[in-house]
Each structure stands twice: as structure tokens, then as C-alpha cells.
Amino acid sequence: MPENSYTGEHYDVTSSGVNDQGNSYDHRVSESGAHSYHYSNSDGSYYYQNSDGSTYYNSGDGYSTYTSSSGHTTQNYGSK
């Protein structure tokens, strides 16, 4: 069972696929029962949508943004 590198929880992938733009996605259920979605895009970026309403986006080239469930956004402009 894969492990979430952020929370340390293991999760099961319950469904996955590829959309019309060639981006892959999967639905994950963690040990605690939380549901989330992970999207890997053909441009190298990826995105998480978490069960608590928070989101995380990484452009793949040094930019990332995290938005908490309360709406607070943190951006990082680090290098790749």
C-alpha cells in the first residue's frame, strides 16, 4: 500500500484514469478513511484535492501553492 509522503498515512487507489488532455488522475482513500484526488498533468505539473477542502498545486518548475480548507494560500517560488 503506497504511503502519503506528507502525512505518513498509507492509502489505496480506488480508481484512476486518463482524461482527454492526456492527464492522469486517481482517487485515494487513506487509512483514516479520508478521500482525496491526485492529478498528474502532461506538462509535468500535479495537483491534490484533499477531503478537508484543501488543495496543493505544483507546476513542476519551481512554483507551488497550497490553499487550506479555510482559504489561506501559501505560495512558493523556489527553484526546480
N, C-alpha and C. Protein backbone atom coordinates (compact mmCIF):
# COMPACT_ATOMS: atom_id res chain seq x y z
N MET A 1 0.86 -1.18 0.00
CA MET A 1 0.00 0.00 0.00
C MET A 1 0.90 1.24 0.00
N PRO A 2 0.71 2.15 -0.94
CA PRO A 2 1.54 3.37 -1.01
C PRO A 2 1.36 4.23 0.24
N GLU A 3 2.35 5.11 0.48
CA GLU A 3 2.32 5.99 1.64
C GLU A 3 2.34 7.44 1.19
N ASN A 4 1.51 8.26 1.84
CA ASN A 4 1.49 9.70 1.60
C ASN A 4 2.75 10.28 2.24
N SER A 5 3.61 10.90 1.45
CA SER A 5 4.88 11.42 1.97
C SER A 5 4.68 12.60 2.91
N TYR A 6 3.54 13.26 2.86
CA TYR A 6 3.27 14.40 3.73
C TYR A 6 2.70 13.96 5.07
N THR A 7 1.69 13.08 5.05
CA THR A 7 1.03 12.67 6.29
C THR A 7 1.60 11.39 6.88
N GLY A 8 2.26 10.58 6.05
CA GLY A 8 2.76 9.29 6.51
C GLY A 8 1.72 8.19 6.49
N GLU A 9 0.48 8.54 6.15
CA GLU A 9 -0.59 7.55 6.10
C GLU A 9 -0.50 6.74 4.81
N HIS A 10 -0.86 5.48 4.90
CA HIS A 10 -0.97 4.65 3.72
C HIS A 10 -2.34 4.88 3.07
N TYR A 11 -2.43 4.61 1.79
CA TYR A 11 -3.69 4.82 1.09
C TYR A 11 -3.88 3.77 0.01
N ASP A 12 -5.11 3.56 -0.38
CA ASP A 12 -5.48 2.72 -1.52
C ASP A 12 -5.93 3.61 -2.66
N VAL A 13 -5.54 3.28 -3.87
CA VAL A 13 -6.07 3.94 -5.06
C VAL A 13 -7.30 3.15 -5.48
N THR A 14 -8.46 3.79 -5.44
CA THR A 14 -9.71 3.08 -5.72
C THR A 14 -10.17 3.24 -7.16
N SER A 15 -9.69 4.26 -7.86
CA SER A 15 -9.99 4.41 -9.28
C SER A 15 -8.94 5.32 -9.89
N SER A 16 -8.74 5.18 -11.19
CA SER A 16 -7.76 6.02 -11.88
C SER A 16 -8.10 6.04 -13.36
N GLY A 17 -7.50 6.98 -14.06
CA GLY A 17 -7.75 7.07 -15.49
C GLY A 17 -6.94 8.18 -16.12
N VAL A 18 -7.22 8.41 -17.39
CA VAL A 18 -6.57 9.47 -18.16
C VAL A 18 -7.66 10.26 -18.86
N ASN A 19 -7.60 11.59 -18.76
CA ASN A 19 -8.63 12.40 -19.40
C ASN A 19 -8.26 12.73 -20.85
N ASP A 20 -9.12 13.47 -21.53
CA ASP A 20 -8.93 13.78 -22.95
C ASP A 20 -7.66 14.58 -23.23
N GLN A 21 -7.16 15.30 -22.23
CA GLN A 21 -5.95 16.10 -22.41
C GLN A 21 -4.68 15.30 -22.13
N GLY A 22 -4.82 14.02 -21.80
CA GLY A 22 -3.67 13.17 -21.51
C GLY A 22 -3.17 13.27 -20.09
N ASN A 23 -3.96 13.86 -19.21
CA ASN A 23 -3.60 13.99 -17.81
C ASN A 23 -4.16 12.81 -17.02
N SER A 24 -3.35 12.24 -16.14
CA SER A 24 -3.82 11.11 -15.34
C SER A 24 -4.36 11.59 -14.00
N TYR A 25 -5.25 10.81 -13.44
CA TYR A 25 -5.84 11.15 -12.15
C TYR A 25 -6.12 9.87 -11.39
N ASP A 26 -6.19 9.99 -10.07
CA ASP A 26 -6.64 8.86 -9.27
C ASP A 26 -7.37 9.33 -8.02
N HIS A 27 -8.19 8.46 -7.51
CA HIS A 27 -8.94 8.69 -6.28
C HIS A 27 -8.29 7.84 -5.22
N ARG A 28 -7.99 8.44 -4.06
CA ARG A 28 -7.27 7.75 -2.99
C ARG A 28 -8.09 7.77 -1.71
N VAL A 29 -8.01 6.67 -0.97
CA VAL A 29 -8.65 6.59 0.34
C VAL A 29 -7.56 6.21 1.34
N SER A 30 -7.36 7.06 2.35
CA SER A 30 -6.31 6.83 3.34
C SER A 30 -6.77 5.87 4.43
N GLU A 31 -5.83 5.47 5.26
CA GLU A 31 -6.12 4.57 6.38
C GLU A 31 -7.20 5.14 7.30
N SER A 32 -7.24 6.45 7.43
CA SER A 32 -8.23 7.08 8.30
C SER A 32 -9.60 7.23 7.62
N GLY A 33 -9.67 6.87 6.33
CA GLY A 33 -10.93 6.97 5.59
C GLY A 33 -11.09 8.25 4.80
N ALA A 34 -10.08 9.11 4.82
CA ALA A 34 -10.16 10.37 4.08
C ALA A 34 -10.02 10.12 2.59
N HIS A 35 -10.82 10.83 1.80
CA HIS A 35 -10.78 10.71 0.34
C HIS A 35 -10.03 11.89 -0.26
N SER A 36 -9.24 11.64 -1.29
CA SER A 36 -8.55 12.72 -1.98
C SER A 36 -8.39 12.36 -3.45
N TYR A 37 -8.06 13.36 -4.24
CA TYR A 37 -7.81 13.17 -5.66
C TYR A 37 -6.42 13.68 -5.99
N HIS A 38 -5.74 12.98 -6.87
CA HIS A 38 -4.41 13.38 -7.32
C HIS A 38 -4.44 13.44 -8.83
N TYR A 39 -3.94 14.53 -9.38
CA TYR A 39 -3.90 14.73 -10.83
C TYR A 39 -2.45 14.94 -11.26
N SER A 40 -1.99 14.17 -12.22
CA SER A 40 -0.65 14.36 -12.81
C SER A 40 -0.85 14.82 -14.24
N ASN A 41 -0.35 15.99 -14.55
CA ASN A 41 -0.61 16.60 -15.85
C ASN A 41 0.53 16.36 -16.83
N SER A 42 0.20 16.36 -18.10
CA SER A 42 1.18 16.06 -19.15
C SER A 42 2.28 17.12 -19.24
N ASP A 43 2.06 18.31 -18.66
CA ASP A 43 3.08 19.36 -18.66
C ASP A 43 4.05 19.24 -17.48
N GLY A 44 3.91 18.19 -16.65
CA GLY A 44 4.81 17.97 -15.52
C GLY A 44 4.27 18.51 -14.20
N SER A 45 3.15 19.21 -14.24
CA SER A 45 2.56 19.73 -13.01
C SER A 45 1.69 18.66 -12.35
N TYR A 46 1.38 18.86 -11.08
CA TYR A 46 0.47 17.97 -10.39
C TYR A 46 -0.35 18.73 -9.36
N TYR A 47 -1.45 18.11 -8.96
CA TYR A 47 -2.45 18.79 -8.14
C TYR A 47 -3.09 17.78 -7.20
N TYR A 48 -3.29 18.18 -5.94
CA TYR A 48 -4.01 17.37 -4.97
C TYR A 48 -5.26 18.11 -4.51
N GLN A 49 -6.34 17.40 -4.41
CA GLN A 49 -7.58 17.93 -3.83
C GLN A 49 -7.90 17.02 -2.65
N ASN A 50 -7.84 17.57 -1.45
CA ASN A 50 -7.97 16.77 -0.23
C ASN A 50 -9.39 16.78 0.33
N SER A 51 -9.69 15.78 1.15
CA SER A 51 -11.05 15.63 1.68
C SER A 51 -11.45 16.78 2.59
N ASP A 52 -10.48 17.49 3.17
CA ASP A 52 -10.81 18.62 4.04
C ASP A 52 -11.05 19.91 3.27
N GLY A 53 -10.95 19.83 1.94
CA GLY A 53 -11.17 21.01 1.10
C GLY A 53 -9.90 21.74 0.74
N SER A 54 -8.77 21.33 1.28
CA SER A 54 -7.50 21.97 0.93
C SER A 54 -7.01 21.46 -0.42
N THR A 55 -6.16 22.27 -1.06
CA THR A 55 -5.60 21.89 -2.35
C THR A 55 -4.10 22.21 -2.37
N TYR A 56 -3.39 21.47 -3.20
CA TYR A 56 -1.96 21.72 -3.40
C TYR A 56 -1.67 21.59 -4.89
N TYR A 57 -0.97 22.57 -5.45
CA TYR A 57 -0.59 22.56 -6.85
C TYR A 57 0.90 22.77 -6.96
N ASN A 58 1.55 21.97 -7.79
CA ASN A 58 2.98 22.14 -8.07
C ASN A 58 3.14 22.20 -9.58
N SER A 59 3.78 23.26 -10.06
CA SER A 59 3.91 23.48 -11.50
C SER A 59 4.93 22.55 -12.14
N GLY A 60 5.80 21.96 -11.33
CA GLY A 60 6.85 21.11 -11.87
C GLY A 60 8.10 21.87 -12.24
N ASP A 61 8.05 23.20 -12.16
CA ASP A 61 9.23 24.00 -12.49
C ASP A 61 9.56 25.05 -11.44
N GLY A 62 9.19 24.77 -10.20
CA GLY A 62 9.62 25.63 -9.10
C GLY A 62 8.53 26.41 -8.40
N TYR A 63 7.33 26.42 -8.92
CA TYR A 63 6.24 27.16 -8.28
C TYR A 63 5.26 26.17 -7.66
N SER A 64 4.83 26.47 -6.44
CA SER A 64 3.78 25.66 -5.82
C SER A 64 2.88 26.55 -4.99
N THR A 65 1.67 26.09 -4.79
CA THR A 65 0.72 26.83 -3.96
C THR A 65 -0.13 25.84 -3.17
N TYR A 66 -0.33 26.16 -1.91
CA TYR A 66 -1.18 25.36 -1.03
C TYR A 66 -2.30 26.27 -0.53
N THR A 67 -3.52 25.80 -0.63
CA THR A 67 -4.67 26.53 -0.11
C THR A 67 -5.34 25.67 0.95
N SER A 68 -5.41 26.19 2.16
CA SER A 68 -6.01 25.44 3.26
C SER A 68 -7.52 25.39 3.12
N SER A 69 -8.14 24.55 3.92
CA SER A 69 -9.60 24.43 3.87
C SER A 69 -10.29 25.73 4.29
N SER A 70 -9.58 26.58 5.04
CA SER A 70 -10.16 27.86 5.45
C SER A 70 -9.92 28.97 4.41
N GLY A 71 -9.17 28.64 3.33
CA GLY A 71 -8.95 29.61 2.26
C GLY A 71 -7.63 30.33 2.31
N HIS A 72 -6.79 30.05 3.30
CA HIS A 72 -5.46 30.69 3.38
C HIS A 72 -4.54 30.07 2.35
N THR A 73 -3.86 30.89 1.55
CA THR A 73 -2.99 30.42 0.49
C THR A 73 -1.53 30.73 0.79
N THR A 74 -0.70 29.72 0.59
CA THR A 74 0.75 29.87 0.72
C THR A 74 1.38 29.54 -0.62
N GLN A 75 2.22 30.44 -1.14
CA GLN A 75 2.88 30.23 -2.42
C GLN A 75 4.38 30.10 -2.22
N ASN A 76 5.00 29.30 -3.05
CA ASN A 76 6.44 29.11 -3.00
C ASN A 76 6.98 29.27 -4.41
N TYR A 77 8.01 30.10 -4.56
CA TYR A 77 8.60 30.35 -5.86
C TYR A 77 10.01 29.80 -5.92
N GLY A 78 10.28 28.70 -5.24
CA GLY A 78 11.60 28.09 -5.22
C GLY A 78 12.01 27.58 -6.59
N SER A 79 13.27 27.20 -6.70
CA SER A 79 13.76 26.68 -7.97
C SER A 79 13.45 25.20 -8.07
N LYS A 80 13.49 24.72 -9.30
CA LYS A 80 13.17 23.32 -9.58
C LYS A 80 14.21 22.39 -8.99
